[in-house]
Amino acid sequence: MPFGKGGAPKREFPGQVAHEAQGIIPFGSADGDRRRSTSKGAQGRRAVFLTRLTAAVILFLSMCMGPAGCYETRGERERAVARGKTLFELHCCGCHNGRRLDLAKNPPNLAGIFRRPSLPSGAPATDAMVRSTILTGRSGIMPSFEGSLSDEQINDIIRYLHSVGPETYLCPTN
């Protein structure tokens, strides 16, 4: 470290004394090396920053790369929602309309399902969990639709469920 007047160490930047007291060690500032922090506080701040940055990147990518897919235009999204509504009415409303008196347990109303923190089963309300439930069914409660619905059809149903709020009646009245 270069020395200033009176033999005291010359400070390279404002607040250097405080940084040195916290354990931030300057490496060879006189010969141009970078400064490196060994402070736990700095490492903690760096970890928080990286965690937040990672979460933001994942959120951004999930908007476009989730199981429901990324649609290039608003028109394509609207067509996918319309297809999903038709598929839901055809394959799901038979049970999820709340009027199946022959069932021991009425299937849940799925309106606004993605606006809740969890599915009626207690699992997280995510595209992946809804897809899994559609594909595998629920033992003794819901049949499996594996082989009956294509991935694109399941994506359209999930897109439709994302588009409706809790006040929406999903099944038409006959």
Protein backbone atom coordinates (compact mmCIF):
# COMPACT_ATOMS: atom_id res chain seq x y z
CA MET A 1 0.00 0.00 0.00
CA PRO A 2 1.44 3.42 -0.88
CA PHE A 3 2.29 5.77 1.95
CA GLY A 4 1.10 9.36 2.24
CA LYS A 5 2.40 12.27 4.33
CA GLY A 6 3.97 11.45 7.65
CA GLY A 7 4.36 7.73 6.86
CA ALA A 8 0.62 7.01 7.26
CA PRO A 9 -0.91 4.65 4.70
CA LYS A 10 -2.39 6.48 1.74
CA ARG A 11 -6.12 5.69 1.34
CA GLU A 12 -6.99 4.62 -2.19
CA PHE A 13 -10.73 5.30 -1.99
CA PRO A 14 -13.24 6.91 0.40
CA GLY A 15 -14.28 4.67 3.27
CA GLN A 16 -11.25 2.42 2.95
CA VAL A 17 -10.63 2.53 6.70
CA ALA A 18 -14.16 1.28 7.35
CA HIS A 19 -13.74 -1.45 4.72
CA GLU A 20 -10.45 -2.58 6.22
CA ALA A 21 -12.08 -2.73 9.65
CA GLN A 22 -14.79 -5.03 8.19
CA GLY A 23 -12.17 -7.36 6.74
CA ILE A 24 -12.14 -6.16 3.15
CA ILE A 25 -8.56 -6.64 2.15
CA PRO A 26 -7.08 -4.65 -0.72
CA PHE A 27 -4.74 -6.78 -2.79
CA GLY A 28 -1.77 -4.89 -4.17
CA SER A 29 -3.58 -1.72 -5.15
CA ALA A 30 -0.21 -0.20 -6.01
CA ASP A 31 0.49 -2.80 -8.70
CA GLY A 32 -3.00 -2.76 -10.19
CA ASP A 33 -4.50 -5.96 -8.72
CA ARG A 34 -8.21 -6.06 -8.07
CA ARG A 35 -9.60 -5.65 -4.56
CA ARG A 36 -11.17 -8.74 -3.10
CA SER A 37 -13.69 -8.83 -0.27
CA THR A 38 -13.38 -11.44 2.44
CA SER A 39 -16.10 -9.89 4.56
CA LYS A 40 -19.02 -12.15 5.50
CA GLY A 41 -21.31 -9.15 5.09
CA ALA A 42 -20.17 -8.60 1.53
CA GLN A 43 -20.51 -12.31 0.78
CA GLY A 44 -24.03 -12.27 2.25
CA ARG A 45 -25.02 -9.27 0.15
CA ARG A 46 -23.55 -10.94 -2.92
CA ALA A 47 -25.50 -14.14 -2.16
CA VAL A 48 -28.76 -12.20 -1.72
CA PHE A 49 -28.14 -10.36 -4.99
CA LEU A 50 -27.42 -13.58 -6.88
CA THR A 51 -30.49 -15.26 -5.37
CA ARG A 52 -32.72 -12.36 -6.42
CA LEU A 53 -31.16 -12.22 -9.86
CA THR A 54 -31.65 -15.96 -10.33
CA ALA A 55 -35.28 -15.72 -9.22
CA ALA A 56 -35.91 -12.85 -11.65
CA VAL A 57 -34.36 -14.80 -14.54
CA ILE A 58 -36.39 -17.92 -13.70
CA LEU A 59 -39.58 -15.87 -13.47
CA PHE A 60 -38.86 -14.22 -16.81
CA LEU A 61 -38.13 -17.54 -18.50
CA SER A 62 -41.12 -19.30 -16.93
CA MET A 63 -43.44 -16.74 -18.49
CA CYS A 64 -42.38 -18.01 -21.87
CA MET A 65 -41.11 -21.53 -21.32
CA GLY A 66 -43.58 -23.14 -18.92
CA PRO A 67 -45.46 -26.34 -19.75
CA ALA A 68 -48.32 -24.26 -21.17
CA GLY A 69 -45.90 -22.96 -23.78
CA CYS A 70 -45.04 -19.57 -25.16
CA TYR A 71 -47.28 -18.12 -27.82
CA GLU A 72 -45.89 -15.67 -30.33
CA THR A 73 -49.00 -13.59 -30.77
CA ARG A 74 -52.02 -12.59 -28.76
CA GLY A 75 -54.18 -14.28 -31.40
CA GLU A 76 -52.42 -17.62 -30.93
CA ARG A 77 -52.85 -17.36 -27.15
CA GLU A 78 -56.56 -16.63 -27.57
CA ARG A 79 -56.94 -19.59 -29.93
CA ALA A 80 -55.15 -21.84 -27.39
CA VAL A 81 -57.48 -20.64 -24.61
CA ALA A 82 -60.52 -21.29 -26.85
CA ARG A 83 -59.25 -24.80 -27.66
CA GLY A 84 -58.60 -25.38 -23.95
CA LYS A 85 -62.13 -24.27 -23.05
CA THR A 86 -63.60 -26.68 -25.62
CA LEU A 87 -61.41 -29.53 -24.35
CA PHE A 88 -62.25 -28.75 -20.72
CA GLU A 89 -65.98 -28.77 -21.49
CA LEU A 90 -65.63 -32.05 -23.40
CA HIS A 91 -63.36 -33.99 -21.01
CA CYS A 92 -63.65 -32.32 -17.59
CA CYS A 93 -67.11 -30.82 -17.13
CA GLY A 94 -68.73 -34.24 -16.84
CA CYS A 95 -67.31 -34.42 -13.31
CA HIS A 96 -66.09 -30.93 -12.42
CA ASN A 97 -69.52 -29.30 -12.86
CA GLY A 98 -70.52 -29.90 -9.22
CA ARG A 99 -73.64 -31.87 -10.19
CA ARG A 100 -72.44 -35.49 -10.12
CA LEU A 101 -74.70 -37.02 -7.49
CA ASP A 102 -73.47 -40.53 -8.29
CA LEU A 103 -69.92 -39.79 -7.07
CA ALA A 104 -68.97 -40.40 -3.44
CA LYS A 105 -66.97 -37.16 -3.48
CA ASN A 106 -67.68 -34.24 -5.80
CA PRO A 107 -64.62 -33.16 -7.79
CA PRO A 108 -63.49 -29.61 -6.98
CA ASN A 109 -64.45 -26.52 -8.90
CA LEU A 110 -61.32 -25.57 -10.85
CA ALA A 111 -62.24 -21.93 -11.54
CA GLY A 112 -59.34 -19.73 -10.41
CA ILE A 113 -57.20 -22.76 -9.52
CA PHE A 114 -53.97 -20.94 -10.42
CA ARG A 115 -54.89 -17.99 -8.21
CA ARG A 116 -54.77 -20.20 -5.13
CA PRO A 117 -51.54 -21.28 -3.44
CA SER A 118 -52.40 -24.96 -3.66
CA LEU A 119 -54.58 -27.46 -5.46
CA PRO A 120 -57.47 -29.13 -3.59
CA SER A 121 -55.14 -32.11 -3.03
CA GLY A 122 -52.74 -29.82 -1.13
CA ALA A 123 -50.07 -29.92 -3.84
CA PRO A 124 -48.70 -26.59 -5.13
CA ALA A 125 -50.88 -24.94 -7.80
CA THR A 126 -48.37 -25.17 -10.65
CA ASP A 127 -48.60 -26.12 -14.31
CA ALA A 128 -46.50 -29.21 -13.60
CA MET A 129 -48.82 -30.45 -10.83
CA VAL A 130 -51.97 -29.88 -12.90
CA ARG A 131 -50.32 -31.66 -15.86
CA SER A 132 -49.35 -34.56 -13.60
CA THR A 133 -52.88 -34.82 -12.21
CA ILE A 134 -54.37 -34.83 -15.72
CA LEU A 135 -51.92 -37.49 -16.91
CA THR A 136 -51.98 -39.81 -13.89
CA GLY A 137 -55.42 -39.08 -12.44
CA ARG A 138 -56.22 -39.40 -8.74
CA SER A 139 -56.48 -42.89 -7.33
CA GLY A 140 -60.15 -43.86 -7.14
CA ILE A 141 -61.26 -40.27 -7.74
CA MET A 142 -60.17 -39.09 -11.21
CA PRO A 143 -59.30 -41.16 -14.28
CA SER A 144 -55.97 -40.82 -16.06
CA PHE A 145 -56.03 -38.97 -19.37
CA GLU A 146 -52.65 -40.29 -20.48
CA GLY A 147 -53.06 -41.41 -24.09
CA SER A 148 -56.43 -39.65 -24.36
CA LEU A 149 -55.05 -36.11 -24.52
CA SER A 150 -51.95 -34.94 -26.38
CA ASP A 151 -49.34 -32.66 -24.80
CA GLU A 152 -50.69 -29.76 -26.87
CA GLN A 153 -54.24 -30.44 -25.66
CA ILE A 154 -53.10 -30.55 -22.03
CA ASN A 155 -51.19 -27.30 -22.60
CA ASP A 156 -54.37 -25.72 -23.97
CA ILE A 157 -56.42 -26.85 -20.95
CA ILE A 158 -53.77 -25.44 -18.60
CA ARG A 159 -53.72 -22.17 -20.58
CA TYR A 160 -57.52 -22.02 -20.27
CA LEU A 161 -57.41 -22.62 -16.52
CA HIS A 162 -54.87 -19.79 -16.21
CA SER A 163 -57.25 -17.47 -18.03
CA VAL A 164 -60.26 -17.87 -15.74
CA GLY A 165 -60.86 -16.36 -12.34
CA PRO A 166 -62.65 -17.84 -9.32
CA GLU A 167 -65.92 -16.13 -10.29
CA THR A 168 -66.06 -17.91 -13.67
CA TYR A 169 -68.42 -20.82 -14.20
CA LEU A 170 -66.34 -23.25 -16.26
CA CYS A 171 -69.03 -25.64 -17.43
CA PRO A 172 -72.01 -24.65 -19.56
CA THR A 173 -75.49 -25.25 -18.19
CA ASN A 174 -77.56 -27.67 -20.25
